[in-house]
Protein backbone atom coordinates (compact mmCIF):
# COMPACT_ATOMS: atom_id res chain seq x y z
CA MET A 1 -3.96 19.00 9.14
CA ARG A 2 -1.71 20.84 11.55
CA ALA A 3 1.94 19.78 11.44
CA GLY A 4 2.35 19.92 15.24
CA ARG A 5 -0.21 17.16 15.62
CA LEU A 6 2.05 14.65 13.83
CA ARG A 7 4.70 14.42 16.52
CA HIS A 8 5.56 10.70 16.54
CA LEU A 9 8.24 9.38 14.17
CA ILE A 10 7.15 5.90 13.10
CA SER A 11 8.41 3.27 10.66
CA LEU A 12 6.00 1.45 8.36
CA GLN A 13 7.01 -2.08 7.43
CA ARG A 14 5.51 -4.56 5.00
CA TYR A 15 6.01 -8.29 5.45
CA ILE A 16 5.71 -10.80 2.66
CA ASP A 17 5.51 -14.56 3.09
CA ASN A 18 7.28 -16.66 0.50
CA GLU A 19 7.61 -20.35 -0.13
CA LEU A 20 10.48 -22.07 -1.90
CA MET A 21 9.97 -25.60 -3.11
CA GLY A 22 12.42 -27.92 -4.74
CA PRO A 23 13.04 -31.64 -5.13
CA GLY A 24 12.78 -33.05 -1.63
CA PHE A 25 12.66 -29.75 0.28
CA PHE A 26 10.22 -27.02 1.26
CA ILE A 27 11.31 -23.74 2.81
CA PHE A 28 8.95 -21.10 4.19
CA PHE A 29 10.49 -17.71 4.85
CA GLN A 30 9.33 -14.23 5.68
CA TYR A 31 11.17 -11.06 4.85
CA GLN A 32 10.74 -7.38 5.44
CA GLU A 33 10.58 -4.85 2.68
CA LYS A 34 12.08 -1.43 3.26
CA SER A 35 11.05 0.53 6.30
CA ILE A 36 9.28 3.79 5.45
CA PRO A 37 9.70 6.59 8.02
CA ALA A 38 6.76 8.94 8.57
CA TYR A 39 5.47 11.40 11.14
CA ALA A 40 2.15 10.43 12.66
CA SER A 41 -0.23 10.97 15.54
CA ILE A 42 -0.77 7.92 17.76
CA GLU A 43 -3.86 8.11 19.96
CA PRO A 44 -5.16 5.36 22.27
CA VAL A 45 -8.84 4.69 21.64
CA ASN A 46 -9.86 2.07 24.16
CA SER A 47 -8.73 -0.97 26.01
CA ARG A 48 -10.77 -4.14 26.25
CA SER A 49 -10.21 -7.58 27.59
CA ARG A 50 -11.65 -10.83 26.34
CA ILE A 51 -11.58 -14.47 27.26
CA THR A 52 -11.21 -16.93 24.38
CA LYS A 53 -10.69 -20.67 24.77
CA HIS A 54 -9.99 -20.24 28.49
CA GLN A 55 -7.20 -17.74 27.83
CA TYR A 56 -7.22 -14.09 28.83
CA TYR A 57 -6.29 -11.47 26.22
CA LEU A 58 -5.95 -7.72 26.55
CA ASP A 59 -6.41 -5.75 23.32
CA THR A 60 -5.31 -2.14 23.23
CA THR A 61 -6.66 -0.27 20.23
CA HIS A 62 -5.01 2.83 18.77
CA GLU A 63 -5.67 5.21 15.92
CA VAL A 64 -2.68 6.36 13.90
CA THR A 65 -3.12 9.38 11.64
CA LEU A 66 -0.57 10.28 8.98
CA ARG A 67 -0.26 12.20 5.75
CA TYR A 68 -0.86 10.38 2.48
CA SER A 69 2.19 9.77 0.32
CA SER A 70 2.93 7.66 -2.74
CA ASP A 71 5.10 5.36 -0.58
CA ILE A 72 2.07 4.18 1.37
CA GLU A 73 -0.63 4.26 -1.30
CA ASN A 74 -1.01 0.45 -1.10
CA ILE A 75 -0.98 0.21 2.70
CA ASN A 76 -3.15 -2.57 4.10
CA ASN A 77 -3.32 -4.88 7.10
CA SER A 78 -0.25 -6.88 6.06
CA TRP A 79 1.84 -3.88 7.16
CA ARG A 80 2.91 -3.01 10.68
CA ILE A 81 4.08 0.11 12.50
CA LEU A 82 7.19 0.40 14.65
CA PHE A 83 7.25 3.19 17.22
CA GLY A 84 10.27 2.96 19.48
CA ASP A 85 10.13 -0.56 20.92
CA ARG A 86 6.38 -0.85 20.36
CA ILE A 87 4.74 -2.70 17.46
CA PHE A 88 1.30 -1.85 16.12
CA ILE A 89 -0.55 -4.30 13.87
CA ILE A 90 -2.77 -2.53 11.33
CA THR A 91 -6.35 -3.81 11.43
CA GLY A 92 -8.02 -1.20 9.22
CA VAL A 93 -7.15 1.60 6.79
CA ILE A 94 -9.34 4.64 6.12
CA ASP A 95 -8.58 7.33 3.54
CA ILE A 96 -10.32 10.30 5.16
CA ASN A 97 -12.88 11.79 2.73
CA GLU A 98 -11.23 9.82 -0.12
CA HIS A 99 -9.00 12.82 -0.95
CA ASN A 100 -5.61 11.06 -0.61
CA GLN A 101 -4.49 13.59 1.98
CA THR A 102 -4.93 11.96 5.38
CA ILE A 103 -4.80 8.26 6.27
CA LEU A 104 -6.34 6.89 9.47
CA LEU A 105 -5.08 3.49 10.60
CA HIS A 106 -6.84 1.37 13.19
CA CYS A 107 -4.21 -0.64 15.04
CA LYS A 108 -3.77 -3.24 17.73
CA GLU A 109 -0.64 -3.11 19.83
CA GLY A 110 1.34 -6.32 19.98
CA ILE A 111 2.77 -9.00 17.73
CA ARG A 112 0.71 -10.90 15.17
CA GLU A 113 0.61 -14.58 16.01
CA LYS A 114 1.53 -17.07 13.30
CA ASN A 115 -1.94 -18.60 13.23
CA GLU A 116 -3.75 -15.25 13.43
CA PRO A 117 -5.17 -14.37 10.02
CA SER A 118 -4.40 -11.00 8.44
CA VAL A 119 -7.87 -10.20 7.18
């Protein structure tokens, strides 16, 4: 992979949901683990619109390519990518040729809704 292709500085973040229960109380909280900086290539793939339950949605799909590292060996769709003021939700992870050299992430731009499942 050519180094000049990875020109976007991104931050990878992992969110974990936790529940705390005690006598007479229940607290649900979400926290962010450390942010991992990485250089990547962000390419728009397509844009599609859909109508669900009488609401209009616009999904923009991107592919993010980055080098494999031990910091991201467990990356999955519970992670997200920050690029400037944009947020990309990871929808799929591909280890190109299974060589642990290049990772291809399929992403959707936007914010994950609370009721939207992270498959």
